[in-house]
Each structure stands twice: as structure tokens, then as C-alpha cells.
C-alpha atoms as a PDB file:
ATOM      1  CA  MET A   1     -26.054   7.271   3.891  1.00  0.00           C
ATOM      2  CA  ILE A   2     -23.671   9.145   5.058  1.00  0.00           C
ATOM      3  CA  PHE A   3     -19.564   7.672   4.846  1.00  0.00           C
ATOM      4  CA  PRO A   4     -17.653   8.366   7.759  1.00  0.00           C
ATOM      5  CA  THR A   5     -14.723  10.651   5.722  1.00  0.00           C
ATOM      6  CA  ARG A   6     -11.858   8.851   6.545  1.00  0.00           C
ATOM      7  CA  SER A   7     -12.511   5.373   5.001  1.00  0.00           C
ATOM      8  CA  PHE A   8     -14.481   6.562   2.165  1.00  0.00           C
ATOM      9  CA  LEU A   9     -11.421   9.234   1.133  1.00  0.00           C
ATOM     10  CA  THR A  10      -9.126   6.006   1.735  1.00  0.00           C
ATOM     11  CA  ALA A  11     -10.849   3.850  -0.724  1.00  0.00           C
ATOM     12  CA  ILE A  12     -11.345   6.814  -2.771  1.00  0.00           C
ATOM     13  CA  ILE A  13      -7.623   7.690  -3.484  1.00  0.00           C
ATOM     14  CA  TRP A  14      -7.092   3.700  -3.570  1.00  0.00           C
ATOM     15  CA  PHE A  15      -9.806   3.982  -6.843  1.00  0.00           C
ATOM     16  CA  ILE A  16      -7.256   6.222  -8.307  1.00  0.00           C
ATOM     17  CA  THR A  17      -4.333   4.265  -7.900  1.00  0.00           C
ATOM     18  CA  VAL A  18      -5.252   1.039  -8.833  1.00  0.00           C
ATOM     19  CA  SER A  19      -7.150   2.634 -12.163  1.00  0.00           C
ATOM     20  CA  VAL A  20      -3.213   4.244 -13.094  1.00  0.00           C
ATOM     21  CA  LEU A  21      -2.148   1.212 -12.437  1.00  0.00           C
ATOM     22  CA  PHE A  22      -4.517  -0.783 -14.623  1.00  0.00           C
ATOM     23  CA  VAL A  23      -3.983   1.588 -17.467  1.00  0.00           C
ATOM     24  CA  LEU A  24      -0.284   2.370 -17.462  1.00  0.00           C
ATOM     25  CA  PRO A  25       1.260   1.059 -20.786  1.00  0.00           C
ATOM     26  CA  GLY A  26       2.677  -2.694 -21.324  1.00  0.00           C
ATOM     27  CA  SER A  27       6.127  -1.215 -21.711  1.00  0.00           C
ATOM     28  CA  GLU A  28       6.034   0.702 -18.526  1.00  0.00           C
ATOM     29  CA  PHE A  29       6.339  -3.169 -16.965  1.00  0.00           C
ATOM     30  CA  PRO A  30       8.933  -5.608 -16.715  1.00  0.00           C
ATOM     31  CA  GLN A  31       9.632  -8.231 -19.350  1.00  0.00           C
ATOM     32  CA  GLU A  32      10.036 -11.222 -16.852  1.00  0.00           C
ATOM     33  CA  ASP A  33       9.472 -14.422 -17.354  1.00  0.00           C
ATOM     34  CA  TRP A  34       8.641 -15.624 -13.745  1.00  0.00           C
ATOM     35  CA  PHE A  35       6.162 -13.066 -13.217  1.00  0.00           C
ATOM     36  CA  GLU A  36       4.136 -15.820 -15.721  1.00  0.00           C
ATOM     37  CA  LYS A  37       5.541 -18.286 -13.913  1.00  0.00           C
ATOM     38  CA  VAL A  38       4.439 -17.623 -10.410  1.00  0.00           C
ATOM     39  CA  TYR A  39       0.544 -15.586 -12.106  1.00  0.00           C
ATOM     40  CA  LEU A  40       2.191 -12.372 -10.410  1.00  0.00           C
ATOM     41  CA  ASP A  41      -0.681 -10.387 -12.770  1.00  0.00           C
ATOM     42  CA  LYS A  42      -3.520 -12.606 -11.309  1.00  0.00           C
ATOM     43  CA  VAL A  43      -2.114 -12.498  -7.725  1.00  0.00           C
ATOM     44  CA  VAL A  44      -1.883  -8.470  -8.375  1.00  0.00           C
ATOM     45  CA  HIS A  45      -5.795  -8.462  -9.789  1.00  0.00           C
ATOM     46  CA  ILE A  46      -7.008 -10.067  -6.975  1.00  0.00           C
ATOM     47  CA  ALA A  47      -5.347  -8.085  -4.431  1.00  0.00           C
ATOM     48  CA  PHE A  48      -6.061  -4.343  -6.095  1.00  0.00           C
ATOM     49  CA  ILE A  49      -9.805  -5.474  -6.399  1.00  0.00           C
ATOM     50  CA  PHE A  50     -10.150  -7.117  -3.012  1.00  0.00           C
ATOM     51  CA  LEU A  51      -8.529  -4.366  -1.192  1.00  0.00           C
ATOM     52  CA  LEU A  52     -10.450  -1.863  -3.429  1.00  0.00           C
ATOM     53  CA  ILE A  53     -14.199  -3.520  -2.458  1.00  0.00           C
ATOM     54  CA  TYR A  54     -13.032  -3.589   1.199  1.00  0.00           C
ATOM     55  CA  LEU A  55     -12.127  -0.362   1.204  1.00  0.00           C
ATOM     56  CA  PHE A  56     -15.764   0.827  -0.119  1.00  0.00           C
ATOM     57  CA  LEU A  57     -17.915  -1.756   1.969  1.00  0.00           C
ATOM     58  CA  SER A  58     -16.218  -0.886   5.438  1.00  0.00           C
ATOM     59  CA  PRO A  59     -18.321   2.400   5.626  1.00  0.00           C
ATOM     60  CA  VAL A  60     -21.197   0.703   4.666  1.00  0.00           C
ATOM     61  CA  ARG A  61     -21.017  -2.677   6.093  1.00  0.00           C
ATOM     62  CA  TYR A  62     -24.199  -2.180   8.552  1.00  0.00           C
ATOM     63  CA  ALA A  63     -25.937  -0.879   5.655  1.00  0.00           C
ATOM     64  CA  ASP A  64     -29.085  -2.632   3.855  1.00  0.00           C
ATOM     65  CA  LYS A  65     -27.410  -5.319   1.657  1.00  0.00           C
ATOM     66  CA  LYS A  66     -28.698  -4.267  -1.203  1.00  0.00           C
ATOM     67  CA  TRP A  67     -26.218  -1.320  -0.857  1.00  0.00           C
ATOM     68  CA  ILE A  68     -23.289  -4.006   0.037  1.00  0.00           C
ATOM     69  CA  LEU A  69     -24.231  -5.856  -2.977  1.00  0.00           C
ATOM     70  CA  MET A  70     -24.150  -2.880  -5.054  1.00  0.00           C
ATOM     71  CA  ILE A  71     -21.014  -1.699  -4.225  1.00  0.00           C
ATOM     72  CA  VAL A  72     -20.225  -6.043  -5.515  1.00  0.00           C
ATOM     73  CA  GLY A  73     -21.424  -5.036  -8.603  1.00  0.00           C
ATOM     74  CA  LEU A  74     -20.035  -2.359  -9.367  1.00  0.00           C
ATOM     75  CA  GLY A  75     -16.433  -3.919  -8.499  1.00  0.00           C
ATOM     76  CA  ILE A  76     -17.051  -6.328 -10.831  1.00  0.00           C
ATOM     77  CA  MET A  77     -18.437  -4.067 -13.698  1.00  0.00           C
ATOM     78  CA  TYR A  78     -15.290  -1.993 -12.963  1.00  0.00           C
ATOM     79  CA  GLY A  79     -13.252  -4.898 -13.261  1.00  0.00           C
ATOM     80  CA  VAL A  80     -14.594  -6.077 -16.619  1.00  0.00           C
ATOM     81  CA  GLY A  81     -14.438  -2.494 -17.740  1.00  0.00           C
ATOM     82  CA  ILE A  82     -10.985  -2.085 -17.170  1.00  0.00           C
ATOM     83  CA  GLU A  83     -10.117  -5.196 -19.227  1.00  0.00           C
ATOM     84  CA  PHE A  84     -11.996  -3.798 -22.349  1.00  0.00           C
ATOM     85  CA  ILE A  85     -10.157  -0.208 -22.076  1.00  0.00           C
ATOM     86  CA  GLN A  86      -6.883  -2.154 -21.824  1.00  0.00           C
ATOM     87  CA  LYS A  87      -7.845  -4.075 -24.691  1.00  0.00           C
ATOM     88  CA  TYR A  88      -8.693  -0.887 -26.980  1.00  0.00           C
ATOM     89  CA  PHE A  89      -6.979   2.157 -25.616  1.00  0.00           C
ATOM     90  CA  ILE A  90      -3.489   1.002 -23.765  1.00  0.00           C
ATOM     91  CA  LYS A  91      -0.589   0.555 -26.057  1.00  0.00           C
ATOM     92  CA  GLY A  92       1.034  -3.206 -25.008  1.00  0.00           C
ATOM     93  CA  ARG A  93      -1.990  -4.228 -22.619  1.00  0.00           C
ATOM     94  CA  SER A  94      -4.510  -6.929 -23.704  1.00  0.00           C
ATOM     95  CA  PHE A  95      -8.487  -8.160 -22.695  1.00  0.00           C
ATOM     96  CA  GLU A  96      -8.177 -11.420 -20.616  1.00  0.00           C
ATOM     97  CA  VAL A  97     -10.900 -13.240 -19.258  1.00  0.00           C
ATOM     98  CA  ALA A  98      -8.570 -14.568 -16.315  1.00  0.00           C
ATOM     99  CA  ASP A  99      -8.284 -11.346 -14.911  1.00  0.00           C
ATOM    100  CA  ILE A 100     -12.024 -10.781 -15.121  1.00  0.00           C
ATOM    101  CA  VAL A 101     -11.957 -14.162 -13.319  1.00  0.00           C
ATOM    102  CA  CYS A 102      -9.377 -13.023 -10.738  1.00  0.00           C
ATOM    103  CA  ASP A 103     -11.188  -9.472 -10.146  1.00  0.00           C
ATOM    104  CA  ILE A 104     -14.544 -11.047  -9.451  1.00  0.00           C
ATOM    105  CA  ALA A 105     -12.836 -13.502  -6.839  1.00  0.00           C
ATOM    106  CA  GLY A 106     -11.275 -10.620  -5.194  1.00  0.00           C
ATOM    107  CA  CYS A 107     -14.497  -8.538  -4.937  1.00  0.00           C
ATOM    108  CA  LEU A 108     -16.355 -12.076  -3.685  1.00  0.00           C
ATOM    109  CA  SER A 109     -13.929 -12.411  -1.342  1.00  0.00           C
ATOM    110  CA  ALA A 110     -14.088  -8.860  -0.067  1.00  0.00           C
ATOM    111  CA  TYR A 111     -17.408  -9.786   0.012  1.00  0.00           C
ATOM    112  CA  LEU A 112     -16.946 -12.509   2.115  1.00  0.00           C
ATOM    113  CA  VAL A 113     -14.518 -11.131   4.658  1.00  0.00           C
ATOM    114  CA  ILE A 114     -17.221  -8.028   5.382  1.00  0.00           C
ATOM    115  CA  SER A 115     -19.836 -10.792   5.640  1.00  0.00           C
ATOM    116  CA  TRP A 116     -17.966 -12.412   8.085  1.00  0.00           C
ATOM    117  CA  GLN A 117     -17.251  -9.311  10.059  1.00  0.00           C
ATOM    118  CA  ARG A 118     -21.158  -8.927  10.159  1.00  0.00           C
ATOM    119  CA  LYS A 119     -21.744 -11.626  11.700  1.00  0.00           C
ATOM    120  CA  ALA A 120     -18.813 -11.943  14.595  1.00  0.00           C
ATOM    121  CA  GLU A 121     -19.221  -8.208  15.554  1.00  0.00           C
ATOM    122  CA  LYS A 122     -23.033  -9.645  16.273  1.00  0.00           C
ATOM    123  CA  LYS A 123     -22.470 -11.804  18.467  1.00  0.00           C
END
């Protein structure tokens, strides 16, 4: 399977960007109370992972479903892995199950959007 160069390159750049942001030390983030009140961290997890998985799914949207499910599965594993990296290796960051749930929600949302687009384009 050959990926369209621009789409795949965009996905790789976003992967690197998200990875860097997820492993920044906790001291790099503003310590504002309102962030916690509006659950900004959770919204960021959903949005970042949604866009990441959507960008990787876009070039393969017409491929066999196994490719799509593999990308979604890898996205979920990535979200879980990031939480363990934050817990054990990044100062000022912690492991949160709620972040994993948000990462899974982002992955599944991207899958649903791609599935909807596939169906809409077949009509």
C-alpha cells in the first residue's frame, strides 16, 4: 500500500508535534485553576488524538478494514503508552485513566468520522 506523500507527511509531522507536547515536563504548563474546571486537559487529549488518527486514516480510508482497525488500535496503544511515559519518565506529569479514556474517545471518533465519510462517498 502506498500512502499519498502529503497526507502521510502531515500525519508524521503531527505525530512528532503531539509526542513532544505530551512529554513536556509539568512545569512547562500554566498552573491555572480554570484549566481544571473546564477539563481543558481532557479536551486536548481528545482533540490531539482525534486529529492524529484522522490524519493517519485519511490516506487509507479506502483500504481494507483491517488497516483502519490496525491504525485505531495503534492509536489506543499510543495513548496508553504516553500515560506510562508521563508517569515514569516525565517530571511533573502523572498517569491518569481519564486521559486514556479521552485518547480512546479521540481514536474512536476519528474512526467514526472516516467510516461516515466512506459511506457518504459511496452513495
